[in-house]
Amino acid sequence: MLHDRTKRFEFILTESAARWRLCPPGIMALQLDRLVSLSRLPSVLIGVLPLSTAVAEIPFHTFTVYDRTLVTAELFSGRMALRDPKDIDHYITVFDHFHSRAEVGELARQRLRNWADEFRTEAG
């Protein structure tokens, strides 16, 4: 799907999400390297929201905006499907807020590479 040029994918990752130690440091470095690689696809935009960035919203949970008809929110107890236009508009506004403050393009890739290097250093 990510190679389908008729589709557009935009991902905004918080620093906390990107650096959360879910596996050994060497694997974390590889995961971040993969994000850098994916960010070069023409249909993919990956943005990074550093902890030092001031934001008015708080990313309490992950969510996916599919289009103007569906948003899903991933919670500990499961996934909610939201179809009410007011809910969808809210999540689009939240996404736009994060997107406008995120580092994208080469800035995001450099930050991801720096974090990957930190994991590689830790892995030894």
Protein backbone atom coordinates (compact mmCIF):
# COMPACT_ATOMS: atom_id res chain seq x y z
CA MET A 1 0.00 0.00 0.00
CA LEU A 2 2.75 2.47 0.85
CA HIS A 3 4.07 2.19 -2.71
CA ASP A 4 0.66 2.99 -4.25
CA ARG A 5 1.08 6.52 -5.65
CA THR A 6 -2.70 7.00 -5.80
CA LYS A 7 -2.76 7.02 -2.00
CA ARG A 8 -1.24 9.46 0.49
CA PHE A 9 -0.01 8.50 3.96
CA GLU A 10 0.97 11.03 6.61
CA PHE A 11 2.33 9.89 9.95
CA ILE A 12 3.18 12.14 12.88
CA LEU A 13 5.20 10.46 15.62
CA THR A 14 5.85 11.95 19.00
CA GLU A 15 9.37 11.65 20.33
CA SER A 16 8.00 9.53 23.16
CA ALA A 17 6.48 7.05 20.72
CA ALA A 18 9.59 6.88 18.53
CA ARG A 19 12.01 6.40 21.44
CA TRP A 20 9.92 4.16 23.70
CA ARG A 21 12.10 1.12 24.38
CA LEU A 22 9.81 -1.66 23.20
CA CYS A 23 12.69 -3.94 22.17
CA PRO A 24 16.49 -4.13 22.47
CA PRO A 25 18.46 -1.04 21.37
CA GLY A 26 19.81 -2.64 18.19
CA ILE A 27 16.31 -3.44 16.99
CA MET A 28 15.08 0.03 17.95
CA ALA A 29 17.86 1.50 15.77
CA LEU A 30 16.75 -0.68 12.85
CA GLN A 31 13.12 0.39 13.33
CA LEU A 32 14.10 4.06 13.22
CA ASP A 33 16.26 3.41 10.14
CA ARG A 34 13.20 1.85 8.49
CA LEU A 35 11.15 4.96 9.23
CA VAL A 36 13.84 7.09 7.58
CA SER A 37 13.71 4.82 4.54
CA LEU A 38 9.90 4.92 4.36
CA SER A 39 9.93 8.71 4.63
CA ARG A 40 11.60 8.83 1.22
CA LEU A 41 8.64 7.19 -0.54
CA PRO A 42 6.70 9.72 -2.64
CA SER A 43 3.36 8.75 -1.06
CA VAL A 44 4.62 8.89 2.55
CA LEU A 45 5.22 11.83 4.86
CA ILE A 46 6.69 11.13 8.28
CA GLY A 47 6.77 13.95 10.78
CA VAL A 48 8.38 13.95 14.20
CA LEU A 49 7.09 15.95 17.14
CA PRO A 50 9.99 16.48 19.58
CA LEU A 51 9.28 16.74 23.29
CA SER A 52 10.67 20.27 23.22
CA THR A 53 7.89 21.43 20.87
CA ALA A 54 5.07 23.39 22.49
CA VAL A 55 1.67 21.93 21.65
CA ALA A 56 -1.80 22.90 22.82
CA GLU A 57 -3.18 19.37 22.46
CA ILE A 58 -1.97 16.28 24.28
CA PRO A 59 -1.57 13.01 22.36
CA PHE A 60 -3.49 10.82 24.81
CA HIS A 61 -3.78 7.94 22.34
CA THR A 62 -3.03 7.04 18.77
CA PHE A 63 -5.58 7.67 16.09
CA THR A 64 -5.94 7.24 12.36
CA VAL A 65 -7.84 9.55 10.06
CA TYR A 66 -8.80 7.52 7.01
CA ASP A 67 -10.84 10.18 5.25
CA ARG A 68 -13.74 12.50 6.03
CA THR A 69 -15.92 9.47 6.91
CA LEU A 70 -13.84 7.44 9.39
CA VAL A 71 -11.42 7.93 12.26
CA THR A 72 -10.24 5.15 14.54
CA ALA A 73 -8.81 5.73 18.00
CA GLU A 74 -6.66 3.00 19.53
CA LEU A 75 -7.15 2.59 23.26
CA PHE A 76 -5.91 0.02 25.77
CA SER A 77 -9.23 -1.82 25.68
CA GLY A 78 -9.68 -1.79 21.89
CA ARG A 79 -10.29 0.40 18.89
CA MET A 80 -13.12 2.88 18.50
CA ALA A 81 -14.52 3.67 15.08
CA LEU A 82 -15.80 7.24 14.86
CA ARG A 83 -18.09 8.26 12.04
CA ASP A 84 -19.81 11.36 13.41
CA PRO A 85 -18.66 14.36 11.33
CA LYS A 86 -18.04 16.40 14.53
CA ASP A 87 -15.69 13.68 15.87
CA ILE A 88 -13.90 13.41 12.53
CA ASP A 89 -13.49 17.20 12.32
CA HIS A 90 -12.04 17.22 15.85
CA TYR A 91 -9.43 14.58 15.01
CA ILE A 92 -8.53 16.32 11.75
CA THR A 93 -8.01 19.53 13.74
CA VAL A 94 -5.82 17.68 16.27
CA PHE A 95 -3.81 16.06 13.48
CA ASP A 96 -3.36 19.41 11.72
CA HIS A 97 -2.19 20.94 15.02
CA PHE A 98 0.49 18.27 15.46
CA HIS A 99 1.41 18.31 11.78
CA SER A 100 1.96 22.08 11.77
CA ARG A 101 4.45 21.72 14.63
CA ALA A 102 6.20 18.56 13.49
CA GLU A 103 9.57 18.34 11.83
CA VAL A 104 9.22 16.79 8.39
CA GLY A 105 11.47 15.93 5.47
CA GLU A 106 15.18 16.08 6.09
CA LEU A 107 14.73 17.56 9.59
CA ALA A 108 12.65 14.54 10.64
CA ARG A 109 15.03 12.10 8.97
CA GLN A 110 18.03 13.67 10.75
CA ARG A 111 16.30 13.49 14.12
CA LEU A 112 15.33 9.84 13.53
CA ARG A 113 18.92 9.04 12.48
CA ASN A 114 20.25 10.73 15.64
CA TRP A 115 17.94 8.65 17.82
CA ALA A 116 18.91 5.51 15.91
CA ASP A 117 22.60 6.35 16.51
CA GLU A 118 21.91 6.70 20.24
CA PHE A 119 20.36 3.23 20.27
CA ARG A 120 23.30 1.82 18.29
CA THR A 121 25.74 3.36 20.80
CA GLU A 122 23.77 1.81 23.64
CA ALA A 123 23.74 -1.57 21.88
CA GLY A 124 27.52 -1.44 21.71
